[in-house]
Amino acid sequence: MKKIIVLLLIFLCSFIVTGCKTLDEGTVYSKTYMPAHTGIYFIAMRIGKTTQLIPRHTHHPDRWEICVEFEKDKDCWDVPEEFYDSVEIGEYIYKKDF
């Protein structure tokens, strides 16, 4: 019973923190291109009595992001390269356009 209550509280808190409103339209105020790159992170593994850090590689592909604002709300969207190239800062766009 405690587990159910704890899970319910975690769900409610995450819902409140993230909010339920997303923007579907707005004016572009920022464009960001992040080129592909490889990152390294380490996983701790116990081998016998010792702990070793094992490196793991992760690849992040190219990413195009457009940030929009509508009234006082702001949001950022990942978009395809073609849409990113066709949009200028200050332009009013709809999320359904891409």
N, C-alpha and C. Protein backbone atom coordinates (compact mmCIF):
# COMPACT_ATOMS: atom_id res chain seq x y z
N MET A 1 0.82 -1.19 0.00
CA MET A 1 0.00 0.00 0.00
C MET A 1 0.86 1.26 0.00
N LYS A 2 1.97 1.21 0.77
CA LYS A 2 2.87 2.37 0.81
C LYS A 2 3.48 2.64 -0.56
N LYS A 3 3.83 1.56 -1.25
CA LYS A 3 4.44 1.73 -2.58
C LYS A 3 3.48 2.43 -3.53
N ILE A 4 2.22 2.07 -3.48
CA ILE A 4 1.23 2.68 -4.37
C ILE A 4 1.09 4.17 -4.05
N ILE A 5 1.04 4.51 -2.77
CA ILE A 5 0.92 5.91 -2.39
C ILE A 5 2.15 6.70 -2.81
N VAL A 6 3.33 6.13 -2.61
CA VAL A 6 4.57 6.80 -3.00
C VAL A 6 4.61 7.01 -4.51
N LEU A 7 4.27 6.00 -5.27
CA LEU A 7 4.26 6.12 -6.73
C LEU A 7 3.24 7.16 -7.19
N LEU A 8 2.09 7.18 -6.55
CA LEU A 8 1.08 8.17 -6.90
C LEU A 8 1.57 9.59 -6.60
N LEU A 9 2.22 9.78 -5.46
CA LEU A 9 2.77 11.09 -5.11
C LEU A 9 3.86 11.52 -6.09
N ILE A 10 4.73 10.60 -6.47
CA ILE A 10 5.79 10.91 -7.44
C ILE A 10 5.16 11.32 -8.77
N PHE A 11 4.16 10.59 -9.22
CA PHE A 11 3.48 10.92 -10.47
C PHE A 11 2.84 12.30 -10.40
N LEU A 12 2.14 12.58 -9.32
CA LEU A 12 1.48 13.88 -9.18
C LEU A 12 2.49 15.02 -9.13
N CYS A 13 3.58 14.82 -8.41
CA CYS A 13 4.62 15.86 -8.33
C CYS A 13 5.25 16.11 -9.70
N SER A 14 5.55 15.05 -10.43
CA SER A 14 6.16 15.22 -11.75
C SER A 14 5.18 15.90 -12.70
N PHE A 15 3.90 15.60 -12.59
CA PHE A 15 2.89 16.24 -13.43
C PHE A 15 2.80 17.73 -13.12
N ILE A 16 2.85 18.07 -11.84
CA ILE A 16 2.77 19.48 -11.44
C ILE A 16 4.01 20.24 -11.87
N VAL A 17 5.19 19.64 -11.70
CA VAL A 17 6.44 20.31 -12.05
C VAL A 17 6.54 20.55 -13.55
N THR A 18 6.21 19.55 -14.35
CA THR A 18 6.35 19.69 -15.79
C THR A 18 5.22 20.48 -16.41
N GLY A 19 4.08 20.51 -15.75
CA GLY A 19 2.94 21.23 -16.30
C GLY A 19 2.31 20.43 -17.42
N CYS A 20 1.18 20.88 -17.87
CA CYS A 20 0.50 20.13 -18.92
C CYS A 20 0.28 20.99 -20.16
N LYS A 21 0.84 22.19 -20.19
CA LYS A 21 0.63 23.08 -21.33
C LYS A 21 1.86 23.05 -22.24
N THR A 22 1.63 22.83 -23.52
CA THR A 22 2.70 22.91 -24.50
C THR A 22 2.28 23.91 -25.56
N LEU A 23 3.26 24.54 -26.16
CA LEU A 23 2.98 25.52 -27.20
C LEU A 23 2.86 24.82 -28.55
N ASP A 24 1.88 25.20 -29.34
CA ASP A 24 1.71 24.66 -30.68
C ASP A 24 1.97 25.72 -31.74
N GLU A 25 2.25 26.95 -31.30
CA GLU A 25 2.53 28.04 -32.23
C GLU A 25 3.29 29.12 -31.49
N GLY A 26 3.94 29.99 -32.26
CA GLY A 26 4.65 31.09 -31.63
C GLY A 26 5.63 31.76 -32.57
N THR A 27 6.31 32.77 -32.04
CA THR A 27 7.31 33.52 -32.78
C THR A 27 8.69 32.97 -32.47
N VAL A 28 9.47 32.69 -33.51
CA VAL A 28 10.81 32.15 -33.33
C VAL A 28 11.72 33.23 -32.73
N TYR A 29 12.35 32.91 -31.60
CA TYR A 29 13.29 33.85 -31.01
C TYR A 29 14.71 33.30 -30.94
N SER A 30 14.89 32.01 -31.27
CA SER A 30 16.23 31.43 -31.22
C SER A 30 16.28 30.19 -32.11
N LYS A 31 17.42 30.00 -32.78
CA LYS A 31 17.68 28.81 -33.57
C LYS A 31 19.04 28.26 -33.14
N THR A 32 19.11 26.95 -32.92
CA THR A 32 20.36 26.34 -32.48
C THR A 32 20.63 25.08 -33.27
N TYR A 33 21.85 24.97 -33.79
CA TYR A 33 22.30 23.74 -34.46
C TYR A 33 23.37 23.11 -33.59
N MET A 34 23.19 21.83 -33.25
CA MET A 34 24.18 21.09 -32.48
C MET A 34 24.72 19.96 -33.35
N PRO A 35 25.99 20.05 -33.77
CA PRO A 35 26.53 19.02 -34.64
C PRO A 35 26.66 17.67 -33.93
N ALA A 36 26.74 16.63 -34.73
CA ALA A 36 26.89 15.28 -34.18
C ALA A 36 28.18 15.19 -33.36
N HIS A 37 28.10 14.46 -32.28
CA HIS A 37 29.28 14.28 -31.43
C HIS A 37 29.15 12.97 -30.66
N THR A 38 30.26 12.53 -30.13
CA THR A 38 30.29 11.31 -29.33
C THR A 38 30.66 11.69 -27.91
N GLY A 39 29.90 11.18 -26.98
CA GLY A 39 30.17 11.45 -25.56
C GLY A 39 30.63 10.18 -24.87
N ILE A 40 31.33 10.35 -23.78
CA ILE A 40 31.81 9.22 -22.99
C ILE A 40 31.25 9.36 -21.58
N TYR A 41 30.71 8.28 -21.08
CA TYR A 41 30.30 8.23 -19.68
C TYR A 41 30.85 6.94 -19.09
N PHE A 42 30.92 6.90 -17.77
CA PHE A 42 31.54 5.77 -17.09
C PHE A 42 30.52 5.03 -16.24
N ILE A 43 30.62 3.70 -16.26
CA ILE A 43 29.77 2.84 -15.44
C ILE A 43 30.65 2.18 -14.41
N ALA A 44 30.25 2.27 -13.14
CA ALA A 44 31.01 1.62 -12.07
C ALA A 44 30.61 0.15 -12.01
N MET A 45 31.62 -0.73 -12.06
CA MET A 45 31.37 -2.17 -11.98
C MET A 45 32.26 -2.77 -10.91
N ARG A 46 31.67 -3.60 -10.08
CA ARG A 46 32.46 -4.30 -9.08
C ARG A 46 33.00 -5.58 -9.69
N ILE A 47 34.30 -5.74 -9.62
CA ILE A 47 34.97 -6.94 -10.09
C ILE A 47 35.77 -7.46 -8.91
N GLY A 48 35.27 -8.53 -8.31
CA GLY A 48 35.89 -9.02 -7.08
C GLY A 48 35.67 -8.02 -5.95
N LYS A 49 36.77 -7.60 -5.33
CA LYS A 49 36.67 -6.64 -4.23
C LYS A 49 36.92 -5.21 -4.69
N THR A 50 37.19 -5.03 -5.97
CA THR A 50 37.49 -3.69 -6.46
C THR A 50 36.35 -3.17 -7.35
N THR A 51 36.28 -1.87 -7.45
CA THR A 51 35.32 -1.23 -8.33
C THR A 51 36.09 -0.57 -9.46
N GLN A 52 35.69 -0.87 -10.68
CA GLN A 52 36.34 -0.28 -11.84
C GLN A 52 35.34 0.56 -12.62
N LEU A 53 35.84 1.65 -13.20
CA LEU A 53 35.02 2.49 -14.05
C LEU A 53 35.23 2.06 -15.50
N ILE A 54 34.16 1.63 -16.13
CA ILE A 54 34.21 1.15 -17.51
C ILE A 54 33.66 2.26 -18.42
N PRO A 55 34.48 2.72 -19.38
CA PRO A 55 33.99 3.79 -20.26
C PRO A 55 32.97 3.26 -21.28
N ARG A 56 31.95 4.04 -21.53
CA ARG A 56 30.95 3.73 -22.55
C ARG A 56 30.83 4.94 -23.47
N HIS A 57 30.73 4.67 -24.74
CA HIS A 57 30.61 5.74 -25.73
C HIS A 57 29.16 5.83 -26.20
N THR A 58 28.69 7.04 -26.38
CA THR A 58 27.34 7.25 -26.91
C THR A 58 27.40 8.30 -28.00
N HIS A 59 26.73 8.02 -29.10
CA HIS A 59 26.73 8.93 -30.25
C HIS A 59 25.47 9.78 -30.23
N HIS A 60 25.62 11.08 -30.39
CA HIS A 60 24.49 12.01 -30.48
C HIS A 60 24.47 12.55 -31.91
N PRO A 61 23.38 12.31 -32.66
CA PRO A 61 23.31 12.78 -34.06
C PRO A 61 23.12 14.30 -34.13
N ASP A 62 23.21 14.83 -35.36
CA ASP A 62 22.93 16.26 -35.57
C ASP A 62 21.56 16.60 -34.99
N ARG A 63 21.46 17.83 -34.48
CA ARG A 63 20.19 18.25 -33.87
C ARG A 63 19.92 19.71 -34.23
N TRP A 64 18.71 19.96 -34.71
CA TRP A 64 18.29 21.32 -35.05
C TRP A 64 17.14 21.69 -34.12
N GLU A 65 17.29 22.82 -33.44
CA GLU A 65 16.30 23.22 -32.44
C GLU A 65 15.84 24.65 -32.70
N ILE A 66 14.54 24.86 -32.62
CA ILE A 66 13.95 26.19 -32.76
C ILE A 66 13.20 26.50 -31.47
N CYS A 67 13.46 27.68 -30.91
CA CYS A 67 12.76 28.11 -29.70
C CYS A 67 11.74 29.18 -30.07
N VAL A 68 10.51 29.01 -29.57
CA VAL A 68 9.43 29.93 -29.87
C VAL A 68 8.84 30.48 -28.57
N GLU A 69 8.20 31.65 -28.71
CA GLU A 69 7.50 32.22 -27.57
C GLU A 69 6.12 32.68 -28.03
N PHE A 70 5.15 32.51 -27.14
CA PHE A 70 3.79 32.95 -27.40
C PHE A 70 3.29 33.60 -26.12
N GLU A 71 3.02 34.89 -26.21
CA GLU A 71 2.69 35.70 -25.04
C GLU A 71 3.84 35.57 -24.04
N LYS A 72 3.64 35.00 -22.85
CA LYS A 72 4.73 34.88 -21.87
C LYS A 72 5.34 33.49 -21.81
N ASP A 73 4.80 32.55 -22.59
CA ASP A 73 5.29 31.17 -22.57
C ASP A 73 6.36 30.97 -23.62
N LYS A 74 7.34 30.11 -23.29
CA LYS A 74 8.42 29.78 -24.22
C LYS A 74 8.56 28.27 -24.30
N ASP A 75 8.99 27.78 -25.46
CA ASP A 75 9.18 26.35 -25.66
C ASP A 75 10.21 26.15 -26.77
N CYS A 76 10.90 25.03 -26.75
CA CYS A 76 11.87 24.70 -27.80
C CYS A 76 11.47 23.37 -28.44
N TRP A 77 11.60 23.31 -29.77
CA TRP A 77 11.23 22.12 -30.52
C TRP A 77 12.42 21.62 -31.33
N ASP A 78 12.58 20.29 -31.38
CA ASP A 78 13.52 19.69 -32.32
C ASP A 78 12.81 19.60 -33.67
N VAL A 79 13.46 20.07 -34.72
CA VAL A 79 12.84 20.13 -36.04
C VAL A 79 13.76 19.51 -37.08
N PRO A 80 13.22 19.11 -38.23
CA PRO A 80 14.07 18.60 -39.32
C PRO A 80 14.94 19.72 -39.89
N GLU A 81 16.05 19.34 -40.51
CA GLU A 81 17.01 20.30 -41.06
C GLU A 81 16.35 21.22 -42.09
N GLU A 82 15.51 20.67 -42.95
CA GLU A 82 14.88 21.46 -44.00
C GLU A 82 14.00 22.56 -43.41
N PHE A 83 13.25 22.24 -42.37
CA PHE A 83 12.39 23.23 -41.72
C PHE A 83 13.24 24.29 -41.02
N TYR A 84 14.31 23.85 -40.36
CA TYR A 84 15.23 24.76 -39.67
C TYR A 84 15.79 25.80 -40.65
N ASP A 85 16.19 25.33 -41.84
CA ASP A 85 16.77 26.23 -42.85
C ASP A 85 15.74 27.20 -43.42
N SER A 86 14.46 26.80 -43.43
CA SER A 86 13.43 27.65 -44.05
C SER A 86 12.85 28.70 -43.10
N VAL A 87 13.14 28.60 -41.82
CA VAL A 87 12.55 29.51 -40.83
C VAL A 87 13.58 30.57 -40.40
N GLU A 88 13.11 31.80 -40.24
CA GLU A 88 13.97 32.90 -39.78
C GLU A 88 13.52 33.36 -38.40
N ILE A 89 14.44 33.94 -37.64
CA ILE A 89 14.10 34.50 -36.33
C ILE A 89 13.10 35.64 -36.52
N GLY A 90 12.07 35.66 -35.69
CA GLY A 90 11.02 36.66 -35.79
C GLY A 90 9.80 36.18 -36.56
N GLU A 91 9.92 35.03 -37.23
CA GLU A 91 8.82 34.48 -38.01
C GLU A 91 7.83 33.76 -37.10
N TYR A 92 6.54 33.87 -37.42
CA TYR A 92 5.49 33.19 -36.65
C TYR A 92 5.25 31.84 -37.29
N ILE A 93 5.34 30.76 -36.48
CA ILE A 93 5.20 29.39 -37.03
C ILE A 93 4.21 28.59 -36.20
N TYR A 94 3.76 27.49 -36.81
CA TYR A 94 2.88 26.53 -36.16
C TYR A 94 3.61 25.20 -36.10
N LYS A 95 3.43 24.47 -35.01
CA LYS A 95 4.11 23.19 -34.84
C LYS A 95 3.67 22.17 -35.89
N LYS A 96 2.45 22.27 -36.38
CA LYS A 96 1.94 21.33 -37.38
C LYS A 96 2.61 21.51 -38.74
N ASP A 97 3.38 22.61 -38.93
CA ASP A 97 4.02 22.88 -40.22
C ASP A 97 5.19 21.94 -40.52
N PHE A 98 5.70 21.26 -39.53
CA PHE A 98 6.85 20.37 -39.81
C PHE A 98 6.57 18.95 -39.42
